[in-house]
Structures are given as structure tokens and as C-alpha cells.
Amino acid sequence: MDATITAKGQMTVPKRLRQGLGVPNGGKIRILQHSDGSVYILPVVSMKELTQSLPPAPKRNPVSIEEMDEGIAQAVAERDRRSKRS
């Protein structure tokens, strides 16, 4: 796939490449050059896009401070029991 660099140093990214990268019109790409001279073109993905691609967090009921303290106490007691077995 070829592209032409204009006198202003601009390049049009061919449609087939943009579609393959999933980059919409107005989207951004990152061009990286490896030490061996090879060039990589990657889509730039925003944090918003990344978080939207994750599954929704499970719904959880709020936990009181007392319930948190109890859970911590149980975990510490369990760790103490395990350390005494060793």
C-alpha cells in the first residue's frame, strides 16, 4: 500500500488501512519507528474508549465500616492461624 507525502509533509492514510486499524475520520494514529528502521502504525485509543470497551463492574451493595473491620479482622486471624501451622 503506497501513500504520497505532500510538500507540507502531510500524508493521506489509505482508507483500507484506516478501516483495518478501526480509525474513524478525524481519528488519530501513532507512528513508531523501530531501531531497525521499520515503521509501525497504531490507532490512538483514548482512556474513555478503553474503559467503554470493558464489561460493566458488578453491582455491589455498600458495606459499612463495621463490616469492613470485621472482614479485616477475619483475614488477619486466618493469616495468623496459617503462620502458626508452619
N, C-alpha and C. Protein backbone atom coordinates (compact mmCIF):
# COMPACT_ATOMS: atom_id res chain seq x y z
N MET A 1 0.86 -1.15 0.00
CA MET A 1 0.00 0.00 0.00
C MET A 1 0.91 1.23 0.00
N ASP A 2 0.69 2.13 -0.90
CA ASP A 2 1.52 3.32 -1.03
C ASP A 2 0.75 4.56 -0.60
N ALA A 3 1.49 5.55 -0.13
CA ALA A 3 0.94 6.85 0.20
C ALA A 3 1.94 7.90 -0.26
N THR A 4 1.46 9.08 -0.56
CA THR A 4 2.32 10.17 -1.03
C THR A 4 2.44 11.22 0.05
N ILE A 5 3.66 11.72 0.23
CA ILE A 5 3.91 12.80 1.17
C ILE A 5 3.84 14.11 0.39
N THR A 6 3.03 15.05 0.87
CA THR A 6 2.87 16.33 0.18
C THR A 6 4.07 17.24 0.49
N ALA A 7 4.11 18.38 -0.19
CA ALA A 7 5.18 19.36 0.04
C ALA A 7 5.16 19.87 1.48
N LYS A 8 4.00 19.82 2.13
CA LYS A 8 3.88 20.23 3.53
C LYS A 8 4.21 19.09 4.50
N GLY A 9 4.60 17.94 3.99
CA GLY A 9 4.93 16.81 4.85
C GLY A 9 3.72 16.03 5.32
N GLN A 10 2.59 16.24 4.67
CA GLN A 10 1.36 15.55 5.07
C GLN A 10 1.14 14.31 4.22
N MET A 11 0.39 13.36 4.80
CA MET A 11 0.13 12.11 4.11
C MET A 11 -1.33 11.73 4.33
N THR A 12 -1.96 11.23 3.31
CA THR A 12 -3.30 10.68 3.45
C THR A 12 -3.16 9.20 3.73
N VAL A 13 -3.73 8.74 4.84
CA VAL A 13 -3.69 7.32 5.17
C VAL A 13 -4.76 6.64 4.35
N PRO A 14 -4.38 5.65 3.55
CA PRO A 14 -5.35 4.98 2.68
C PRO A 14 -6.54 4.42 3.48
N LYS A 15 -7.72 4.50 2.87
CA LYS A 15 -8.97 4.08 3.51
C LYS A 15 -8.88 2.65 4.01
N ARG A 16 -8.33 1.77 3.23
CA ARG A 16 -8.24 0.36 3.62
C ARG A 16 -7.43 0.20 4.92
N LEU A 17 -6.37 0.98 5.07
CA LEU A 17 -5.55 0.92 6.28
C LEU A 17 -6.31 1.51 7.47
N ARG A 18 -6.99 2.65 7.26
CA ARG A 18 -7.78 3.25 8.34
C ARG A 18 -8.85 2.29 8.82
N GLN A 19 -9.52 1.64 7.88
CA GLN A 19 -10.57 0.68 8.25
C GLN A 19 -9.97 -0.51 9.00
N GLY A 20 -8.83 -0.99 8.53
CA GLY A 20 -8.17 -2.12 9.20
C GLY A 20 -7.75 -1.80 10.62
N LEU A 21 -7.36 -0.55 10.86
CA LEU A 21 -6.98 -0.12 12.20
C LEU A 21 -8.19 0.28 13.04
N GLY A 22 -9.34 0.43 12.41
CA GLY A 22 -10.54 0.87 13.13
C GLY A 22 -10.49 2.34 13.49
N VAL A 23 -9.81 3.14 12.67
CA VAL A 23 -9.66 4.57 12.94
C VAL A 23 -10.70 5.33 12.12
N PRO A 24 -11.60 6.05 12.80
CA PRO A 24 -12.61 6.81 12.06
C PRO A 24 -12.02 8.07 11.46
N ASN A 25 -12.76 8.73 10.57
CA ASN A 25 -12.33 10.02 10.04
C ASN A 25 -12.13 10.97 11.21
N GLY A 26 -11.04 11.68 11.21
CA GLY A 26 -10.72 12.58 12.31
C GLY A 26 -10.03 11.88 13.47
N GLY A 27 -9.91 10.55 13.39
CA GLY A 27 -9.24 9.80 14.45
C GLY A 27 -7.73 10.02 14.38
N LYS A 28 -7.03 9.47 15.35
CA LYS A 28 -5.58 9.66 15.41
C LYS A 28 -4.86 8.33 15.29
N ILE A 29 -3.66 8.41 14.72
CA ILE A 29 -2.78 7.24 14.65
C ILE A 29 -1.44 7.63 15.26
N ARG A 30 -0.72 6.63 15.72
CA ARG A 30 0.63 6.84 16.23
C ARG A 30 1.57 6.09 15.30
N ILE A 31 2.63 6.77 14.88
CA ILE A 31 3.62 6.16 14.01
C ILE A 31 4.90 6.00 14.81
N LEU A 32 5.36 4.76 14.91
CA LEU A 32 6.57 4.45 15.68
C LEU A 32 7.62 3.90 14.74
N GLN A 33 8.86 4.32 14.95
CA GLN A 33 9.96 3.79 14.15
C GLN A 33 10.86 2.95 15.04
N HIS A 34 11.04 1.70 14.67
CA HIS A 34 11.89 0.78 15.41
C HIS A 34 13.35 1.07 15.08
N SER A 35 14.25 0.63 15.92
CA SER A 35 15.68 0.90 15.71
C SER A 35 16.21 0.31 14.41
N ASP A 36 15.54 -0.73 13.89
CA ASP A 36 15.99 -1.32 12.62
C ASP A 36 15.44 -0.57 11.41
N GLY A 37 14.69 0.52 11.65
CA GLY A 37 14.15 1.33 10.56
C GLY A 37 12.72 1.00 10.19
N SER A 38 12.20 -0.13 10.68
CA SER A 38 10.81 -0.48 10.36
C SER A 38 9.86 0.49 11.07
N VAL A 39 8.70 0.67 10.47
CA VAL A 39 7.73 1.63 10.96
C VAL A 39 6.44 0.90 11.33
N TYR A 40 5.86 1.27 12.47
CA TYR A 40 4.61 0.69 12.94
C TYR A 40 3.56 1.79 13.03
N ILE A 41 2.36 1.48 12.58
CA ILE A 41 1.24 2.42 12.66
C ILE A 41 0.19 1.80 13.57
N LEU A 42 -0.15 2.53 14.63
CA LEU A 42 -1.12 2.03 15.60
C LEU A 42 -2.23 3.06 15.81
N PRO A 43 -3.45 2.59 16.08
CA PRO A 43 -4.50 3.55 16.41
C PRO A 43 -4.26 4.13 17.80
N VAL A 44 -4.57 5.39 17.99
CA VAL A 44 -4.50 6.01 19.32
C VAL A 44 -5.88 5.83 19.93
N VAL A 45 -5.90 5.22 21.11
CA VAL A 45 -7.16 4.94 21.79
C VAL A 45 -7.19 5.75 23.08
N SER A 46 -8.27 6.49 23.29
CA SER A 46 -8.40 7.31 24.49
C SER A 46 -8.76 6.43 25.69
N MET A 47 -8.52 6.95 26.89
CA MET A 47 -8.90 6.23 28.10
C MET A 47 -10.41 5.99 28.13
N LYS A 48 -11.17 6.95 27.64
CA LYS A 48 -12.63 6.79 27.62
C LYS A 48 -13.01 5.59 26.75
N GLU A 49 -12.38 5.48 25.56
CA GLU A 49 -12.67 4.35 24.68
C GLU A 49 -12.26 3.03 25.33
N LEU A 50 -11.12 3.03 26.01
CA LEU A 50 -10.68 1.81 26.68
C LEU A 50 -11.65 1.38 27.77
N THR A 51 -12.07 2.33 28.60
CA THR A 51 -12.97 1.97 29.69
C THR A 51 -14.34 1.55 29.16
N GLN A 52 -14.76 2.12 28.04
CA GLN A 52 -16.05 1.73 27.47
C GLN A 52 -15.99 0.33 26.88
N SER A 53 -14.79 -0.16 26.56
CA SER A 53 -14.67 -1.50 25.99
C SER A 53 -14.67 -2.58 27.07
N LEU A 54 -14.57 -2.19 28.35
CA LEU A 54 -14.58 -3.16 29.44
C LEU A 54 -16.00 -3.53 29.82
N PRO A 55 -16.19 -4.75 30.34
CA PRO A 55 -17.55 -5.10 30.80
C PRO A 55 -17.91 -4.24 32.01
N PRO A 56 -19.19 -4.01 32.25
CA PRO A 56 -19.58 -3.20 33.40
C PRO A 56 -19.18 -3.88 34.70
N ALA A 57 -18.84 -3.07 35.69
CA ALA A 57 -18.47 -3.60 37.01
C ALA A 57 -19.70 -4.25 37.65
N PRO A 58 -19.47 -5.33 38.40
CA PRO A 58 -20.63 -5.97 39.04
C PRO A 58 -21.27 -5.03 40.07
N LYS A 59 -22.56 -5.13 40.20
CA LYS A 59 -23.29 -4.32 41.18
C LYS A 59 -23.03 -4.90 42.56
N ARG A 60 -22.65 -4.06 43.49
CA ARG A 60 -22.39 -4.50 44.85
C ARG A 60 -23.12 -3.59 45.82
N ASN A 61 -23.58 -4.18 46.90
CA ASN A 61 -24.22 -3.39 47.95
C ASN A 61 -23.15 -2.69 48.76
N PRO A 62 -23.41 -1.49 49.22
CA PRO A 62 -22.44 -0.79 50.05
C PRO A 62 -22.15 -1.59 51.32
N VAL A 63 -20.92 -1.46 51.81
CA VAL A 63 -20.50 -2.16 53.02
C VAL A 63 -20.20 -1.12 54.09
N SER A 64 -20.66 -1.37 55.30
CA SER A 64 -20.42 -0.43 56.40
C SER A 64 -18.98 -0.54 56.89
N ILE A 65 -18.53 0.46 57.63
CA ILE A 65 -17.20 0.44 58.22
C ILE A 65 -17.07 -0.77 59.16
N GLU A 66 -18.12 -1.06 59.90
CA GLU A 66 -18.09 -2.19 60.83
C GLU A 66 -17.89 -3.50 60.08
N GLU A 67 -18.59 -3.65 58.93
CA GLU A 67 -18.44 -4.88 58.13
C GLU A 67 -17.03 -4.97 57.55
N MET A 68 -16.47 -3.83 57.14
CA MET A 68 -15.08 -3.84 56.65
C MET A 68 -14.13 -4.26 57.76
N ASP A 69 -14.30 -3.67 58.95
CA ASP A 69 -13.45 -4.02 60.09
C ASP A 69 -13.54 -5.51 60.40
N GLU A 70 -14.74 -6.06 60.38
CA GLU A 70 -14.94 -7.48 60.65
C GLU A 70 -14.23 -8.34 59.60
N GLY A 71 -14.34 -7.97 58.34
CA GLY A 71 -13.66 -8.71 57.27
C GLY A 71 -12.15 -8.67 57.43
N ILE A 72 -11.63 -7.51 57.78
CA ILE A 72 -10.17 -7.37 58.00
C ILE A 72 -9.75 -8.24 59.18
N ALA A 73 -10.52 -8.20 60.27
CA ALA A 73 -10.19 -8.99 61.46
C ALA A 73 -10.18 -10.48 61.12
N GLN A 74 -11.14 -10.94 60.33
CA GLN A 74 -11.19 -12.35 59.93
C GLN A 74 -9.97 -12.72 59.08
N ALA A 75 -9.59 -11.85 58.18
CA ALA A 75 -8.43 -12.12 57.32
C ALA A 75 -7.14 -12.18 58.14
N VAL A 76 -7.01 -11.27 59.10
CA VAL A 76 -5.82 -11.26 59.96
C VAL A 76 -5.78 -12.52 60.81
N ALA A 77 -6.93 -12.91 61.37
CA ALA A 77 -6.98 -14.13 62.19
C ALA A 77 -6.63 -15.35 61.36
N GLU A 78 -7.12 -15.43 60.14
CA GLU A 78 -6.81 -16.56 59.26
C GLU A 78 -5.32 -16.59 58.92
N ARG A 79 -4.75 -15.44 58.64
CA ARG A 79 -3.31 -15.38 58.34
C ARG A 79 -2.50 -15.80 59.56
N ASP A 80 -2.94 -15.40 60.76
CA ASP A 80 -2.27 -15.77 62.00
C ASP A 80 -2.33 -17.29 62.20
N ARG A 81 -3.51 -17.88 61.94
CA ARG A 81 -3.65 -19.35 62.07
C ARG A 81 -2.72 -20.08 61.12
N ARG A 82 -2.62 -19.60 59.89
CA ARG A 82 -1.75 -20.25 58.90
C ARG A 82 -0.27 -20.14 59.31
N SER A 83 0.12 -18.97 59.81
CA SER A 83 1.53 -18.79 60.17
C SER A 83 1.92 -19.68 61.36
N LYS A 84 0.99 -20.00 62.24
CA LYS A 84 1.29 -20.86 63.39
C LYS A 84 1.40 -22.32 62.99
N ARG A 85 0.78 -22.72 61.86
CA ARG A 85 0.89 -24.09 61.36
C ARG A 85 2.26 -24.37 60.75
N SER A 86 2.92 -23.34 60.26
CA SER A 86 4.20 -23.52 59.57
C SER A 86 5.33 -23.79 60.51
